[in-house]
Amino acid sequence: MIGGFGVWELLIILVIVLVIFGAKKLPEIGGGIGQAISNFKRATNEPEEIDVTPKEKKENKED
């Protein structure tokens, strides 16, 4: 058992996913999910970037 799901439950879910998305879309979906997970892991491990661009100064005009 994996996470409370048995083999039969996982097979049923796989068949339903195959019927809904088709066999051609599954590699694209898997690749997209994999990229999303790797980007999320990279973003959580990297330190925050420091913004060093100078801000525009507002000129005070005296009338």
PDB file of N, CA and C in Angstrom:
ATOM      1  N   MET A   1       0.832  -1.205   0.000  1.00  0.00           N
ATOM      2  CA  MET A   1       0.000   0.000   0.000  1.00  0.00           C
ATOM      3  C   MET A   1       0.865   1.253   0.000  1.00  0.00           C
ATOM      4  N   ILE A   2       0.524   2.158  -0.859  1.00  0.00           N
ATOM      5  CA  ILE A   2       1.244   3.426  -0.946  1.00  0.00           C
ATOM      6  C   ILE A   2       0.282   4.535  -0.549  1.00  0.00           C
ATOM      7  N   GLY A   3       0.504   5.145   0.591  1.00  0.00           N
ATOM      8  CA  GLY A   3      -0.317   6.271   1.006  1.00  0.00           C
ATOM      9  C   GLY A   3      -1.792   5.939   1.146  1.00  0.00           C
ATOM     10  N   GLY A   4      -2.112   4.713   1.499  1.00  0.00           N
ATOM     11  CA  GLY A   4      -3.508   4.335   1.679  1.00  0.00           C
ATOM     12  C   GLY A   4      -4.177   3.834   0.411  1.00  0.00           C
ATOM     13  N   PHE A   5      -3.459   3.835  -0.708  1.00  0.00           N
ATOM     14  CA  PHE A   5      -4.008   3.333  -1.953  1.00  0.00           C
ATOM     15  C   PHE A   5      -3.412   1.966  -2.237  1.00  0.00           C
ATOM     16  N   GLY A   6      -4.259   1.033  -2.637  1.00  0.00           N
ATOM     17  CA  GLY A   6      -3.786  -0.285  -3.026  1.00  0.00           C
ATOM     18  C   GLY A   6      -3.476  -0.322  -4.509  1.00  0.00           C
ATOM     19  N   VAL A   7      -3.038  -1.486  -4.967  1.00  0.00           N
ATOM     20  CA  VAL A   7      -2.672  -1.643  -6.371  1.00  0.00           C
ATOM     21  C   VAL A   7      -3.892  -1.456  -7.264  1.00  0.00           C
ATOM     22  N   TRP A   8      -5.030  -2.002  -6.872  1.00  0.00           N
ATOM     23  CA  TRP A   8      -6.223  -1.904  -7.705  1.00  0.00           C
ATOM     24  C   TRP A   8      -6.723  -0.470  -7.812  1.00  0.00           C
ATOM     25  N   GLU A   9      -6.643   0.272  -6.740  1.00  0.00           N
ATOM     26  CA  GLU A   9      -7.073   1.665  -6.791  1.00  0.00           C
ATOM     27  C   GLU A   9      -6.183   2.476  -7.729  1.00  0.00           C
ATOM     28  N   LEU A  10      -4.867   2.236  -7.673  1.00  0.00           N
ATOM     29  CA  LEU A  10      -3.943   2.952  -8.549  1.00  0.00           C
ATOM     30  C   LEU A  10      -4.166   2.582 -10.014  1.00  0.00           C
ATOM     31  N   LEU A  11      -4.465   1.318 -10.288  1.00  0.00           N
ATOM     32  CA  LEU A  11      -4.753   0.905 -11.667  1.00  0.00           C
ATOM     33  C   LEU A  11      -6.026   1.551 -12.197  1.00  0.00           C
ATOM     34  N   ILE A  12      -7.040   1.639 -11.355  1.00  0.00           N
ATOM     35  CA  ILE A  12      -8.295   2.277 -11.768  1.00  0.00           C
ATOM     36  C   ILE A  12      -8.067   3.754 -12.059  1.00  0.00           C
ATOM     37  N   ILE A  13      -7.304   4.425 -11.213  1.00  0.00           N
ATOM     38  CA  ILE A  13      -6.998   5.840 -11.437  1.00  0.00           C
ATOM     39  C   ILE A  13      -6.205   6.009 -12.726  1.00  0.00           C
ATOM     40  N   LEU A  14      -5.245   5.127 -12.984  1.00  0.00           N
ATOM     41  CA  LEU A  14      -4.453   5.198 -14.211  1.00  0.00           C
ATOM     42  C   LEU A  14      -5.327   5.027 -15.447  1.00  0.00           C
ATOM     43  N   VAL A  15      -6.257   4.093 -15.407  1.00  0.00           N
ATOM     44  CA  VAL A  15      -7.158   3.878 -16.544  1.00  0.00           C
ATOM     45  C   VAL A  15      -8.034   5.105 -16.772  1.00  0.00           C
ATOM     46  N   ILE A  16      -8.544   5.697 -15.706  1.00  0.00           N
ATOM     47  CA  ILE A  16      -9.383   6.893 -15.839  1.00  0.00           C
ATOM     48  C   ILE A  16      -8.582   8.041 -16.442  1.00  0.00           C
ATOM     49  N   VAL A  17      -7.342   8.220 -15.993  1.00  0.00           N
ATOM     50  CA  VAL A  17      -6.493   9.285 -16.531  1.00  0.00           C
ATOM     51  C   VAL A  17      -6.201   9.034 -18.003  1.00  0.00           C
ATOM     52  N   LEU A  18      -5.933   7.783 -18.378  1.00  0.00           N
ATOM     53  CA  LEU A  18      -5.689   7.456 -19.785  1.00  0.00           C
ATOM     54  C   LEU A  18      -6.902   7.745 -20.642  1.00  0.00           C
ATOM     55  N   VAL A  19      -8.092   7.464 -20.127  1.00  0.00           N
ATOM     56  CA  VAL A  19      -9.307   7.714 -20.904  1.00  0.00           C
ATOM     57  C   VAL A  19      -9.526   9.218 -21.071  1.00  0.00           C
ATOM     58  N   ILE A  20      -9.294   9.983 -20.019  1.00  0.00           N
ATOM     59  CA  ILE A  20      -9.557  11.423 -20.065  1.00  0.00           C
ATOM     60  C   ILE A  20      -8.541  12.142 -20.951  1.00  0.00           C
ATOM     61  N   PHE A  21      -7.259  11.899 -20.731  1.00  0.00           N
ATOM     62  CA  PHE A  21      -6.227  12.670 -21.410  1.00  0.00           C
ATOM     63  C   PHE A  21      -5.682  11.999 -22.668  1.00  0.00           C
ATOM     64  N   GLY A  22      -5.739  10.710 -22.748  1.00  0.00           N
ATOM     65  CA  GLY A  22      -5.162  10.005 -23.884  1.00  0.00           C
ATOM     66  C   GLY A  22      -3.688   9.729 -23.658  1.00  0.00           C
ATOM     67  N   ALA A  23      -3.164   8.765 -24.403  1.00  0.00           N
ATOM     68  CA  ALA A  23      -1.776   8.340 -24.202  1.00  0.00           C
ATOM     69  C   ALA A  23      -0.777   9.377 -24.712  1.00  0.00           C
ATOM     70  N   LYS A  24      -1.163  10.204 -25.672  1.00  0.00           N
ATOM     71  CA  LYS A  24      -0.216  11.171 -26.242  1.00  0.00           C
ATOM     72  C   LYS A  24       0.026  12.355 -25.323  1.00  0.00           C
ATOM     73  N   LYS A  25      -0.957  12.719 -24.520  1.00  0.00           N
ATOM     74  CA  LYS A  25      -0.819  13.896 -23.657  1.00  0.00           C
ATOM     75  C   LYS A  25      -0.100  13.590 -22.347  1.00  0.00           C
ATOM     76  N   LEU A  26      -0.055  12.325 -21.920  1.00  0.00           N
ATOM     77  CA  LEU A  26       0.531  11.991 -20.622  1.00  0.00           C
ATOM     78  C   LEU A  26       2.006  12.386 -20.493  1.00  0.00           C
ATOM     79  N   PRO A  27       2.862  12.147 -21.503  1.00  0.00           N
ATOM     80  CA  PRO A  27       4.256  12.604 -21.347  1.00  0.00           C
ATOM     81  C   PRO A  27       4.375  14.123 -21.219  1.00  0.00           C
ATOM     82  N   GLU A  28       3.533  14.862 -21.927  1.00  0.00           N
ATOM     83  CA  GLU A  28       3.560  16.324 -21.825  1.00  0.00           C
ATOM     84  C   GLU A  28       3.143  16.774 -20.429  1.00  0.00           C
ATOM     85  N   ILE A  29       2.109  16.140 -19.904  1.00  0.00           N
ATOM     86  CA  ILE A  29       1.629  16.497 -18.568  1.00  0.00           C
ATOM     87  C   ILE A  29       2.689  16.153 -17.526  1.00  0.00           C
ATOM     88  N   GLY A  30       3.303  14.966 -17.666  1.00  0.00           N
ATOM     89  CA  GLY A  30       4.352  14.563 -16.731  1.00  0.00           C
ATOM     90  C   GLY A  30       5.546  15.485 -16.780  1.00  0.00           C
ATOM     91  N   GLY A  31       5.940  15.889 -17.980  1.00  0.00           N
ATOM     92  CA  GLY A  31       7.067  16.816 -18.117  1.00  0.00           C
ATOM     93  C   GLY A  31       6.767  18.171 -17.499  1.00  0.00           C
ATOM     94  N   GLY A  32       5.540  18.646 -17.691  1.00  0.00           N
ATOM     95  CA  GLY A  32       5.143  19.930 -17.102  1.00  0.00           C
ATOM     96  C   GLY A  32       5.135  19.885 -15.588  1.00  0.00           C
ATOM     97  N   ILE A  33       4.630  18.789 -15.050  1.00  0.00           N
ATOM     98  CA  ILE A  33       4.607  18.647 -13.588  1.00  0.00           C
ATOM     99  C   ILE A  33       6.031  18.540 -13.047  1.00  0.00           C
ATOM    100  N   GLY A  34       6.885  17.804 -13.745  1.00  0.00           N
ATOM    101  CA  GLY A  34       8.288  17.678 -13.318  1.00  0.00           C
ATOM    102  C   GLY A  34       9.010  19.009 -13.322  1.00  0.00           C
ATOM    103  N   GLN A  35       8.796  19.817 -14.365  1.00  0.00           N
ATOM    104  CA  GLN A  35       9.414  21.144 -14.419  1.00  0.00           C
ATOM    105  C   GLN A  35       8.895  22.039 -13.304  1.00  0.00           C
ATOM    106  N   ALA A  36       7.606  21.960 -13.041  1.00  0.00           N
ATOM    107  CA  ALA A  36       7.028  22.783 -11.978  1.00  0.00           C
ATOM    108  C   ALA A  36       7.621  22.418 -10.626  1.00  0.00           C
ATOM    109  N   ILE A  37       7.787  21.134 -10.370  1.00  0.00           N
ATOM    110  CA  ILE A  37       8.353  20.699  -9.095  1.00  0.00           C
ATOM    111  C   ILE A  37       9.810  21.135  -8.976  1.00  0.00           C
ATOM    112  N   SER A  38      10.594  20.977 -10.055  1.00  0.00           N
ATOM    113  CA  SER A  38      12.001  21.376  -9.981  1.00  0.00           C
ATOM    114  C   SER A  38      12.147  22.886  -9.828  1.00  0.00           C
ATOM    115  N   ASN A  39      11.304  23.665 -10.512  1.00  0.00           N
ATOM    116  CA  ASN A  39      11.341  25.124 -10.342  1.00  0.00           C
ATOM    117  C   ASN A  39      10.961  25.529  -8.930  1.00  0.00           C
ATOM    118  N   PHE A  40       9.989  24.849  -8.353  1.00  0.00           N
ATOM    119  CA  PHE A  40       9.580  25.159  -6.983  1.00  0.00           C
ATOM    120  C   PHE A  40      10.705  24.839  -6.007  1.00  0.00           C
ATOM    121  N   LYS A  41      11.364  23.691  -6.176  1.00  0.00           N
ATOM    122  CA  LYS A  41      12.470  23.329  -5.288  1.00  0.00           C
ATOM    123  C   LYS A  41      13.616  24.323  -5.416  1.00  0.00           C
ATOM    124  N   ARG A  42      13.920  24.724  -6.655  1.00  0.00           N
ATOM    125  CA  ARG A  42      14.998  25.683  -6.876  1.00  0.00           C
ATOM    126  C   ARG A  42      14.656  27.028  -6.237  1.00  0.00           C
ATOM    127  N   ALA A  43      13.406  27.441  -6.353  1.00  0.00           N
ATOM    128  CA  ALA A  43      13.006  28.736  -5.802  1.00  0.00           C
ATOM    129  C   ALA A  43      13.039  28.731  -4.273  1.00  0.00           C
ATOM    130  N   THR A  44      12.724  27.608  -3.655  1.00  0.00           N
ATOM    131  CA  THR A  44      12.738  27.565  -2.196  1.00  0.00           C
ATOM    132  C   THR A  44      14.147  27.468  -1.645  1.00  0.00           C
ATOM    133  N   ASN A  45      15.098  26.963  -2.430  1.00  0.00           N
ATOM    134  CA  ASN A  45      16.468  26.818  -1.941  1.00  0.00           C
ATOM    135  C   ASN A  45      17.335  28.037  -2.217  1.00  0.00           C
ATOM    136  N   GLU A  46      16.981  28.844  -3.202  1.00  0.00           N
ATOM    137  CA  GLU A  46      17.777  30.013  -3.537  1.00  0.00           C
ATOM    138  C   GLU A  46      17.492  31.148  -2.565  1.00  0.00           C
ATOM    139  N   PRO A  47      18.519  31.915  -2.219  1.00  0.00           N
ATOM    140  CA  PRO A  47      18.261  33.092  -1.380  1.00  0.00           C
ATOM    141  C   PRO A  47      17.507  34.142  -2.196  1.00  0.00           C
ATOM    142  N   GLU A  48      16.852  35.022  -1.483  1.00  0.00           N
ATOM    143  CA  GLU A  48      16.098  36.077  -2.158  1.00  0.00           C
ATOM    144  C   GLU A  48      17.054  36.992  -2.913  1.00  0.00           C
ATOM    145  N   GLU A  49      16.645  37.370  -4.097  1.00  0.00           N
ATOM    146  CA  GLU A  49      17.472  38.264  -4.885  1.00  0.00           C
ATOM    147  C   GLU A  49      17.302  39.692  -4.386  1.00  0.00           C
ATOM    148  N   ILE A  50      18.395  40.417  -4.403  1.00  0.00           N
ATOM    149  CA  ILE A  50      18.366  41.805  -3.958  1.00  0.00           C
ATOM    150  C   ILE A  50      18.206  42.689  -5.188  1.00  0.00           C
ATOM    151  N   ASP A  51      17.236  43.562  -5.140  1.00  0.00           N
ATOM    152  CA  ASP A  51      16.979  44.472  -6.252  1.00  0.00           C
ATOM    153  C   ASP A  51      17.942  45.645  -6.136  1.00  0.00           C
ATOM    154  N   VAL A  52      18.852  45.772  -7.109  1.00  0.00           N
ATOM    155  CA  VAL A  52      19.856  46.822  -7.062  1.00  0.00           C
ATOM    156  C   VAL A  52      19.617  47.904  -8.111  1.00  0.00           C
ATOM    157  N   THR A  53      18.487  47.851  -8.773  1.00  0.00           N
ATOM    158  CA  THR A  53      18.214  48.879  -9.765  1.00  0.00           C
ATOM    159  C   THR A  53      17.888  50.183  -9.051  1.00  0.00           C
ATOM    160  N   PRO A  54      18.456  51.278  -9.525  1.00  0.00           N
ATOM    161  CA  PRO A  54      18.186  52.559  -8.859  1.00  0.00           C
ATOM    162  C   PRO A  54      16.751  53.009  -9.107  1.00  0.00           C
ATOM    163  N   LYS A  55      16.167  53.543  -8.075  1.00  0.00           N
ATOM    164  CA  LYS A  55      14.801  54.057  -8.204  1.00  0.00           C
ATOM    165  C   LYS A  55      14.866  55.460  -8.784  1.00  0.00           C
ATOM    166  N   GLU A  56      13.860  55.768  -9.555  1.00  0.00           N
ATOM    167  CA  GLU A  56      13.817  57.096 -10.142  1.00  0.00           C
ATOM    168  C   GLU A  56      13.550  58.127  -9.062  1.00  0.00           C
ATOM    169  N   LYS A  57      14.316  59.210  -9.097  1.00  0.00           N
ATOM    170  CA  LYS A  57      14.127  60.269  -8.105  1.00  0.00           C
ATOM    171  C   LYS A  57      13.070  61.226  -8.620  1.00  0.00           C
ATOM    172  N   LYS A  58      12.173  61.564  -7.750  1.00  0.00           N
ATOM    173  CA  LYS A  58      11.156  62.545  -8.097  1.00  0.00           C
ATOM    174  C   LYS A  58      11.708  63.931  -7.788  1.00  0.00           C
ATOM    175  N   GLU A  59      11.686  64.767  -8.782  1.00  0.00           N
ATOM    176  CA  GLU A  59      12.209  66.115  -8.590  1.00  0.00           C
ATOM    177  C   GLU A  59      11.155  66.989  -7.948  1.00  0.00           C
ATOM    178  N   ASN A  60      11.559  67.641  -6.901  1.00  0.00           N
ATOM    179  CA  ASN A  60      10.648  68.572  -6.234  1.00  0.00           C
ATOM    180  C   ASN A  60      10.754  69.916  -6.931  1.00  0.00           C
ATOM    181  N   LYS A  61       9.689  70.302  -7.555  1.00  0.00           N
ATOM    182  CA  LYS A  61       9.683  71.582  -8.264  1.00  0.00           C
ATOM    183  C   LYS A  61       9.117  72.662  -7.352  1.00  0.00           C
ATOM    184  N   GLU A  62       9.881  73.715  -7.230  1.00  0.00           N
ATOM    185  CA  GLU A  62       9.412  74.829  -6.433  1.00  0.00           C
ATOM    186  C   GLU A  62       8.814  75.884  -7.345  1.00  0.00           C
ATOM    187  N   ASP A  63       7.577  76.232  -7.120  1.00  0.00           N
ATOM    188  CA  ASP A  63       6.899  77.228  -7.962  1.00  0.00           C
ATOM    189  C   ASP A  63       7.001  78.604  -7.356  1.00  0.00           C
TER     190      ASP A  63
END
